[in-house]
Amino acid sequence: MMHNSLNLARQPILDRSENIIGYEFFYRDSYGECVIDDPRHATASVLVNLLNQVGSTSAFGESLAFINTDGPLLLTDILRTLPKEKFVFELSESAKITARIHEAIRHFHSLGYRFALDNASFNPHYIETFSPLFPYMEFAKFDVTQTDIEQFNHAPNPYGKMKLIAQKVEFYEMAEAYEALGFEYFQGFYFANAHLITGRRIDPQYMDVMELFTLLQDDAPMEEVCDSFKYQGILALQLFQFLRSAHPEYIEGAISIREIIERFGKNALMQWLLLIIYSKSGTRAIDEKNSHAVFAQNRIDRMISLLEKSTPHPTEHQLEQIQLIAMLSLLEGLMNVPMESLLQTLHPNQEIEDALLTHTGMLGRIYAATLKLEKGDVNSAALLLKSYGITPEEISITSIR
């Protein structure tokens, strides 16, 4: 069961009026525990769970998302695929700040990406290590259980230009004392506990991700890259959810998965796949499919198979439409994305909208028949497709690839 469970923790960050300005998101493993062996894996897992599966709208809406970030991740172009207006990347006090990481932070800051110091300190070694990065930091977070509050009154304060966040605030008196020092934001059990977000885990297989990543590394033609998504429905599902979370402009008005991929581009797609690869590194049974992923792929494959039985020579356009219908239905059913929201974002043609909402037209009947088959109702599925010459016997042996 563990491979079916998605866990992610979040805790709100509030201003002086106790309005939520953002959430910090924390890594949790499949058991809901915070056991971190590899910081890069933990950061990638948080981002994949947040953007590919839960979705930014459900997780933090219009607020900011604070994410702990390890140094090596900053040396990739992965951040370039993330919306800079939505994220604040926190640097742990244990991060090793090399010249390359310093330059990466300077570069990303110049592009508008936002950073925070996590567990900032007046310790001389900390100041010496991190002060070269202070010009690029928008926030400084202080653990009130580890900070001598008198240092703010007597020690030189190099954090003056940053927005200060008091974290691990457990009592009103703590919040009051830090507010008097000029702290603008607060986080801790006094305001709210860390909340565990759980959901269905719908993961692509590791080898599928690597196969597509290798295609992109070899600079395969875009046609070949798009074709590979026909057989990797879970990746297409996660890509759509990621783009809804990070770049809705790439899916607005698109009429096929192919068009969405072409808009996103090969380089961005490769960085997104790299994020998934990092999220899987070091995990056990990384090439096992969980039941939700099997169900999702089965729906896509069954709908394609029924289309091929309903019309002798389906066009490429019809195949792309049925795959899109399958994927949108899965986003609603497995990822709890309201269909109304999906249709408002995508603006599909009338045929796709009718298929999803009223199950009319050939594509809509195929979708309705698939839902019946998933419940084991072969006779009702056969009735829905009778006008296309499909018999109950043919339906009962519908191939699942």
Protein backbone atom coordinates (compact mmCIF):
# COMPACT_ATOMS: atom_id res chain seq x y z
CA MET A 1 0.00 0.00 0.00
CA MET A 2 2.87 2.42 0.66
CA HIS A 3 3.48 3.04 -3.03
CA ASN A 4 -0.10 4.29 -3.44
CA SER A 5 0.22 7.01 -0.80
CA LEU A 6 1.37 10.59 -1.37
CA ASN A 7 2.34 12.63 1.69
CA LEU A 8 3.34 16.27 1.91
CA ALA A 9 3.33 18.59 4.94
CA ARG A 10 2.72 22.32 4.99
CA GLN A 11 2.64 25.04 7.63
CA PRO A 12 1.33 28.58 7.12
CA ILE A 13 3.43 31.73 7.41
CA LEU A 14 1.42 34.70 8.67
CA ASP A 15 1.81 38.46 8.88
CA ARG A 16 1.24 40.57 12.00
CA SER A 17 -2.51 40.58 11.35
CA GLU A 18 -2.42 36.76 11.08
CA ASN A 19 -3.16 36.80 7.37
CA ILE A 20 -1.54 33.87 5.55
CA ILE A 21 1.12 35.11 3.13
CA GLY A 22 2.57 31.71 2.29
CA TYR A 23 3.15 28.11 3.28
CA GLU A 24 6.34 26.21 3.94
CA PHE A 25 6.23 22.71 2.46
CA PHE A 26 8.06 19.82 4.08
CA TYR A 27 9.16 16.45 2.75
CA ARG A 28 7.36 13.38 4.02
CA ASP A 29 8.03 9.83 2.88
CA SER A 30 5.41 7.23 1.96
CA TYR A 31 4.81 6.54 5.65
CA GLY A 32 4.30 10.23 6.45
CA GLU A 33 7.68 10.45 8.20
CA CYS A 34 10.36 13.11 7.79
CA VAL A 35 13.39 10.89 7.13
CA ILE A 36 15.80 12.68 4.80
CA ASP A 37 18.87 10.83 3.56
CA ASP A 38 19.39 12.92 0.41
CA PRO A 39 18.39 16.63 0.48
CA ARG A 40 18.21 16.79 -3.31
CA HIS A 41 15.78 13.88 -3.36
CA ALA A 42 13.68 15.53 -0.64
CA THR A 43 13.46 18.87 -2.48
CA ALA A 44 12.63 17.20 -5.80
CA SER A 45 9.99 15.01 -4.13
CA VAL A 46 8.30 18.03 -2.58
CA LEU A 47 8.19 19.83 -5.93
CA VAL A 48 6.96 16.76 -7.85
CA ASN A 49 4.24 16.01 -5.28
CA LEU A 50 3.24 19.65 -5.11
CA LEU A 51 3.16 20.49 -8.82
CA ASN A 52 2.73 17.16 -10.65
CA GLN A 53 0.16 15.59 -8.36
CA VAL A 54 -1.54 17.81 -5.74
CA GLY A 55 -1.50 20.96 -7.89
CA SER A 56 -0.58 24.50 -6.83
CA THR A 57 -4.20 25.72 -6.72
CA SER A 58 -5.17 23.16 -4.09
CA ALA A 59 -1.91 23.38 -2.16
CA PHE A 60 -1.29 27.11 -1.82
CA GLY A 61 -3.53 29.06 -4.22
CA GLU A 62 -2.39 32.68 -4.53
CA SER A 63 -0.04 32.47 -1.54
CA LEU A 64 3.71 31.90 -1.71
CA ALA A 65 5.26 28.44 -1.47
CA PHE A 66 8.45 28.25 0.62
CA ILE A 67 10.60 25.26 -0.39
CA ASN A 68 13.81 24.03 1.22
CA THR A 69 16.40 23.86 -1.55
CA ASP A 70 19.69 22.01 -1.63
CA GLY A 71 22.72 23.54 -3.32
CA PRO A 72 23.27 21.06 -6.19
CA LEU A 73 19.70 21.56 -7.45
CA LEU A 74 20.60 25.20 -8.05
CA LEU A 75 23.28 24.12 -10.50
CA THR A 76 20.64 22.73 -12.86
CA ASP A 77 18.10 24.61 -14.99
CA ILE A 78 15.20 23.02 -13.12
CA LEU A 79 14.31 26.31 -11.41
CA ARG A 80 13.78 27.84 -14.84
CA THR A 81 10.74 25.58 -15.31
CA LEU A 82 9.16 26.84 -12.05
CA PRO A 83 7.08 30.02 -11.71
CA LYS A 84 9.32 32.55 -9.97
CA GLU A 85 6.38 34.60 -8.73
CA LYS A 86 5.00 31.67 -6.70
CA PHE A 87 8.08 30.24 -4.97
CA VAL A 88 10.59 31.26 -2.33
CA PHE A 89 13.59 28.93 -2.14
CA GLU A 90 15.06 28.50 1.33
CA LEU A 91 18.76 27.85 1.90
CA SER A 92 19.51 25.66 4.88
CA GLU A 93 22.27 26.61 7.29
CA SER A 94 23.91 23.29 6.38
CA ALA A 95 24.12 24.13 2.66
CA LYS A 96 27.64 24.15 1.25
CA ILE A 97 28.06 27.49 -0.52
CA THR A 98 30.59 27.07 -3.29
CA ALA A 99 31.56 29.67 -5.87
CA ARG A 100 29.32 27.94 -8.43
CA ILE A 101 26.31 27.95 -6.11
CA HIS A 102 26.95 31.60 -5.24
CA GLU A 103 26.95 32.45 -8.95
CA ALA A 104 23.80 30.37 -9.56
CA ILE A 105 21.92 32.22 -6.82
CA ARG A 106 23.12 35.58 -8.17
CA HIS A 107 21.97 34.56 -11.65
CA PHE A 108 18.55 33.30 -10.59
CA HIS A 109 18.04 36.39 -8.42
CA SER A 110 18.77 38.56 -11.47
CA LEU A 111 15.97 36.69 -13.28
CA GLY A 112 13.50 37.45 -10.50
CA TYR A 113 13.68 34.27 -8.43
CA ARG A 114 13.21 34.72 -4.69
CA PHE A 115 15.33 33.32 -1.87
CA ALA A 116 15.29 33.06 1.92
CA LEU A 117 17.80 32.10 4.58
CA ASP A 118 16.51 29.26 6.74
CA ASN A 119 17.68 29.14 10.39
CA ALA A 120 19.63 32.36 10.04
CA SER A 121 22.05 33.07 12.85
CA PHE A 122 24.40 35.65 14.42
CA ASN A 123 27.06 32.95 14.73
CA PRO A 124 30.30 34.38 13.24
CA HIS A 125 30.91 31.28 11.11
CA TYR A 126 27.36 31.50 9.70
CA ILE A 127 27.75 35.21 8.93
CA GLU A 128 31.09 34.59 7.22
CA THR A 129 29.66 31.75 5.11
CA PHE A 130 26.37 33.31 4.06
CA SER A 131 26.96 37.08 4.06
CA PRO A 132 28.11 37.08 0.39
CA LEU A 133 24.57 35.89 -0.44
CA PHE A 134 22.76 38.52 1.65
CA PRO A 135 22.18 40.89 -1.31
CA TYR A 136 20.10 38.16 -3.01
CA MET A 137 18.00 37.17 0.02
CA GLU A 138 14.48 38.56 0.41
CA PHE A 139 13.66 36.77 3.68
CA ALA A 140 15.60 35.62 6.75
CA LYS A 141 13.99 32.98 8.97
CA PHE A 142 15.06 32.68 12.61
CA ASP A 143 14.34 29.65 14.78
CA VAL A 144 13.21 31.33 18.01
CA THR A 145 14.12 28.24 20.04
CA GLN A 146 17.74 28.54 18.90
CA THR A 147 18.14 32.34 18.85
CA ASP A 148 19.30 34.65 21.63
CA ILE A 149 16.82 37.50 21.24
CA GLU A 150 19.21 39.95 22.94
CA GLN A 151 21.52 39.75 19.93
CA PHE A 152 19.04 41.82 17.92
CA ASN A 153 19.51 44.68 20.38
CA HIS A 154 23.25 44.50 20.90
CA ALA A 155 24.90 42.78 17.90
CA PRO A 156 25.35 44.44 14.50
CA ASN A 157 22.36 43.37 12.42
CA PRO A 158 23.30 42.47 8.83
CA TYR A 159 19.72 41.28 8.13
CA GLY A 160 18.15 44.73 8.27
CA LYS A 161 17.07 44.89 4.61
CA MET A 162 15.48 41.44 4.64
CA LYS A 163 11.94 40.61 5.67
CA LEU A 164 12.27 38.73 8.96
CA ILE A 165 10.31 35.58 9.79
CA ALA A 166 10.16 34.12 13.30
CA GLN A 167 9.67 30.36 13.07
CA LYS A 168 8.86 27.71 15.68
CA VAL A 169 6.81 30.28 17.60
CA GLU A 170 4.99 28.32 20.31
CA PHE A 171 3.66 31.04 22.64
CA TYR A 172 2.02 34.44 22.28
CA GLU A 173 4.84 36.06 24.26
CA MET A 174 7.35 34.85 21.65
CA ALA A 175 5.36 36.38 18.80
CA GLU A 176 4.95 39.65 20.73
CA ALA A 177 8.66 39.89 21.52
CA TYR A 178 9.76 39.28 17.93
CA GLU A 179 7.14 41.65 16.56
CA ALA A 180 8.58 44.37 18.81
CA LEU A 181 11.97 43.71 17.16
CA GLY A 182 10.54 44.42 13.72
CA PHE A 183 9.70 40.91 12.56
CA GLU A 184 6.96 41.01 9.92
CA TYR A 185 6.06 37.32 9.61
CA PHE A 186 5.53 34.37 11.93
CA GLN A 187 5.37 30.59 11.74
CA GLY A 188 4.90 27.95 14.41
CA PHE A 189 2.63 25.81 16.52
CA TYR A 190 1.15 28.86 18.28
CA PHE A 191 -0.51 29.79 14.98
CA ALA A 192 -0.95 26.41 13.29
CA ASN A 193 0.54 22.92 13.30
CA ALA A 194 2.12 21.47 10.18
CA HIS A 195 -0.73 19.89 8.23
CA LEU A 196 -0.23 16.60 6.38
CA ILE A 197 -1.58 16.59 2.82
CA THR A 198 -2.32 13.09 1.62
CA GLY A 199 -3.47 11.83 -1.73
CA ARG A 200 -3.26 9.16 -4.38
CA ARG A 201 0.23 8.58 -5.72
CA ILE A 202 0.18 8.29 -9.51
CA ASP A 203 3.79 7.77 -10.55
CA PRO A 204 5.28 7.02 -13.95
CA GLN A 205 7.70 4.12 -14.10
CA TYR A 206 11.34 5.06 -13.71
CA MET A 207 12.34 3.38 -16.96
CA ASP A 208 9.67 5.31 -18.88
CA VAL A 209 11.07 8.56 -17.53
CA MET A 210 14.64 7.56 -18.37
CA GLU A 211 13.67 6.44 -21.86
CA LEU A 212 12.11 9.80 -22.66
CA PHE A 213 14.96 11.69 -20.97
CA THR A 214 17.46 9.80 -23.14
CA LEU A 215 15.50 10.71 -26.26
CA LEU A 216 15.78 14.38 -25.35
CA GLN A 217 19.46 14.09 -24.47
CA ASP A 218 20.05 12.61 -27.91
CA ASP A 219 18.17 15.57 -29.43
CA ALA A 220 15.53 13.32 -30.98
CA PRO A 221 13.06 15.05 -33.34
CA MET A 222 10.06 16.61 -31.60
CA GLU A 223 7.83 14.24 -33.58
CA GLU A 224 9.49 11.25 -31.89
CA VAL A 225 9.27 12.87 -28.47
CA CYS A 226 5.55 13.57 -28.89
CA ASP A 227 4.89 10.05 -30.18
CA SER A 228 6.45 8.56 -27.05
CA PHE A 229 3.71 10.14 -24.94
CA LYS A 230 1.12 7.93 -26.66
CA TYR A 231 2.49 5.02 -24.63
CA GLN A 232 3.33 6.93 -21.47
CA GLY A 233 -0.04 8.18 -20.32
CA ILE A 234 1.00 8.70 -16.69
CA LEU A 235 3.77 11.07 -17.77
CA ALA A 236 1.29 12.98 -19.92
CA LEU A 237 -1.07 13.18 -16.95
CA GLN A 238 1.64 14.56 -14.67
CA LEU A 239 2.85 16.99 -17.32
CA PHE A 240 -0.64 18.42 -17.72
CA GLN A 241 -1.01 18.85 -13.94
CA PHE A 242 2.47 20.42 -13.72
CA LEU A 243 1.64 22.94 -16.43
CA ARG A 244 -1.69 23.75 -14.78
CA SER A 245 0.32 24.52 -11.63
CA ALA A 246 3.31 26.28 -13.15
CA HIS A 247 2.54 27.48 -16.70
CA PRO A 248 -1.17 27.45 -17.55
CA GLU A 249 -0.44 29.53 -20.64
CA TYR A 250 1.01 26.42 -22.30
CA ILE A 251 -2.24 24.48 -22.07
CA GLU A 252 -4.78 27.23 -22.70
CA GLY A 253 -6.57 26.53 -25.96
CA ALA A 254 -4.46 23.45 -26.77
CA ILE A 255 -6.32 20.70 -28.62
CA SER A 256 -3.88 17.83 -28.05
CA ILE A 257 -1.04 16.56 -25.87
CA ARG A 258 1.24 17.06 -28.86
CA GLU A 259 0.48 20.77 -29.00
CA ILE A 260 1.10 21.15 -25.26
CA ILE A 261 4.48 19.41 -25.53
CA GLU A 262 5.52 21.52 -28.50
CA ARG A 263 4.64 24.70 -26.63
CA PHE A 264 6.58 23.63 -23.54
CA GLY A 265 9.68 22.81 -25.57
CA LYS A 266 12.33 20.11 -25.46
CA ASN A 267 14.74 21.79 -23.04
CA ALA A 268 12.06 22.60 -20.46
CA LEU A 269 10.67 19.08 -20.82
CA MET A 270 14.11 17.61 -20.14
CA GLN A 271 14.50 19.69 -16.95
CA TRP A 272 11.04 18.63 -15.78
CA LEU A 273 11.96 14.97 -16.33
CA LEU A 274 15.21 15.53 -14.43
CA LEU A 275 13.15 16.75 -11.48
CA ILE A 276 11.17 13.49 -11.55
CA ILE A 277 14.41 11.47 -11.79
CA TYR A 278 15.80 13.25 -8.71
CA SER A 279 12.55 12.62 -6.86
CA LYS A 280 12.93 8.89 -7.49
CA SER A 281 16.64 8.60 -6.70
CA GLY A 282 17.38 6.32 -3.78
CA THR A 283 13.79 5.14 -3.37
CA ARG A 284 12.92 1.48 -3.19
CA ALA A 285 10.98 -0.33 -5.88
CA ILE A 286 11.30 2.68 -8.17
CA ASP A 287 10.14 0.69 -11.18
CA GLU A 288 6.93 -0.67 -9.66
CA LYS A 289 3.58 0.61 -10.83
CA ASN A 290 1.09 1.39 -8.12
CA SER A 291 -2.61 0.60 -8.47
CA HIS A 292 -3.64 4.18 -9.27
CA ALA A 293 -1.07 4.42 -12.07
CA VAL A 294 -2.22 1.06 -13.48
CA PHE A 295 -5.85 2.21 -13.38
CA ALA A 296 -4.99 5.48 -15.15
CA GLN A 297 -2.96 3.81 -17.90
CA ASN A 298 -5.68 1.18 -18.36
CA ARG A 299 -8.31 3.87 -18.94
CA ILE A 300 -6.18 5.58 -21.58
CA ASP A 301 -5.34 2.32 -23.32
CA ARG A 302 -8.93 1.04 -23.20
CA MET A 303 -10.32 4.25 -24.71
CA ILE A 304 -7.77 4.12 -27.53
CA SER A 305 -8.62 0.45 -28.14
CA LEU A 306 -12.37 1.19 -28.26
CA LEU A 307 -11.76 4.04 -30.71
CA GLU A 308 -9.83 1.67 -32.97
CA LYS A 309 -12.73 -0.82 -32.81
CA SER A 310 -15.36 1.89 -33.42
CA THR A 311 -13.79 3.21 -36.60
CA PRO A 312 -11.55 1.12 -38.91
CA HIS A 313 -8.97 3.82 -39.51
CA PRO A 314 -9.02 6.48 -36.79
CA THR A 315 -7.27 9.69 -37.75
CA GLU A 316 -4.33 11.05 -35.80
CA HIS A 317 -6.61 13.89 -34.73
CA GLN A 318 -9.15 11.44 -33.28
CA LEU A 319 -6.44 9.53 -31.42
CA GLU A 320 -5.14 12.77 -29.93
CA GLN A 321 -8.66 13.80 -28.93
CA ILE A 322 -9.45 10.51 -27.19
CA GLN A 323 -6.15 10.64 -25.31
CA LEU A 324 -6.92 14.19 -24.17
CA ILE A 325 -10.43 13.18 -23.05
CA ALA A 326 -8.99 10.25 -21.09
CA MET A 327 -6.40 12.45 -19.44
CA LEU A 328 -8.85 15.20 -18.46
CA SER A 329 -11.23 12.61 -17.00
CA LEU A 330 -8.37 11.19 -14.91
CA LEU A 331 -7.38 14.62 -13.64
CA GLU A 332 -10.93 15.01 -12.39
CA GLY A 333 -11.29 11.50 -10.99
CA LEU A 334 -7.86 10.76 -9.53
CA MET A 335 -6.39 14.20 -8.86
CA ASN A 336 -9.64 15.89 -7.77
CA VAL A 337 -9.43 18.70 -10.31
CA PRO A 338 -12.96 20.04 -11.03
CA MET A 339 -13.94 19.50 -14.66
CA GLU A 340 -15.28 23.05 -14.83
CA SER A 341 -11.82 24.36 -13.92
CA LEU A 342 -10.17 22.16 -16.55
CA LEU A 343 -12.53 23.29 -19.30
CA GLN A 344 -12.12 26.95 -18.37
CA THR A 345 -8.35 26.60 -18.67
CA LEU A 346 -8.23 24.49 -21.79
CA HIS A 347 -11.15 25.87 -23.80
CA PRO A 348 -11.50 22.62 -25.80
CA ASN A 349 -13.60 22.29 -28.93
CA GLN A 350 -17.28 21.41 -28.64
CA GLU A 351 -16.73 17.74 -29.47
CA ILE A 352 -14.36 17.23 -26.53
CA GLU A 353 -16.54 19.26 -24.16
CA ASP A 354 -19.66 17.29 -25.15
CA ALA A 355 -17.78 14.02 -24.68
CA LEU A 356 -16.70 14.94 -21.16
CA LEU A 357 -19.87 16.60 -19.92
CA THR A 358 -22.75 14.84 -21.69
CA HIS A 359 -21.02 11.71 -23.10
CA THR A 360 -22.42 12.47 -26.57
CA GLY A 361 -20.87 11.86 -29.97
CA MET A 362 -18.65 8.89 -30.77
CA LEU A 363 -15.89 10.05 -28.41
CA GLY A 364 -18.39 10.65 -25.62
CA ARG A 365 -19.92 7.20 -26.04
CA ILE A 366 -16.45 5.64 -25.91
CA TYR A 367 -15.77 7.50 -22.68
CA ALA A 368 -19.14 6.44 -21.22
CA ALA A 369 -18.54 2.82 -22.30
CA THR A 370 -15.13 2.87 -20.64
CA LEU A 371 -16.68 4.01 -17.36
CA LYS A 372 -19.15 1.10 -17.59
CA LEU A 373 -16.35 -1.38 -18.31
CA GLU A 374 -14.41 -0.15 -15.28
CA LYS A 375 -17.44 -1.22 -13.22
CA GLY A 376 -17.62 -4.58 -14.99
CA ASP A 377 -20.83 -3.70 -16.87
CA VAL A 378 -20.06 -5.16 -20.31
CA ASN A 379 -23.68 -5.19 -21.50
CA SER A 380 -24.25 -1.48 -20.90
CA ALA A 381 -20.93 -0.68 -22.58
CA ALA A 382 -21.97 -2.77 -25.59
CA LEU A 383 -25.30 -0.93 -25.86
CA LEU A 384 -23.51 2.42 -25.90
CA LEU A 385 -21.33 1.31 -28.83
CA LYS A 386 -23.85 -0.91 -30.65
CA SER A 387 -24.35 1.65 -33.44
CA TYR A 388 -20.63 1.41 -34.24
CA GLY A 389 -20.87 -2.33 -34.83
CA ILE A 390 -19.08 -3.42 -31.67
CA THR A 391 -20.34 -6.64 -30.07
CA PRO A 392 -20.27 -7.53 -26.36
CA GLU A 393 -17.70 -10.22 -27.21
CA GLU A 394 -15.38 -7.64 -28.76
CA ILE A 395 -15.78 -5.32 -25.79
CA SER A 396 -15.11 -8.05 -23.24
CA ILE A 397 -11.72 -8.72 -24.84
CA THR A 398 -10.79 -5.07 -25.23
CA SER A 399 -7.03 -5.12 -25.09
CA ILE A 400 -5.17 -3.33 -22.37
CA ARG A 401 -1.68 -2.61 -23.63
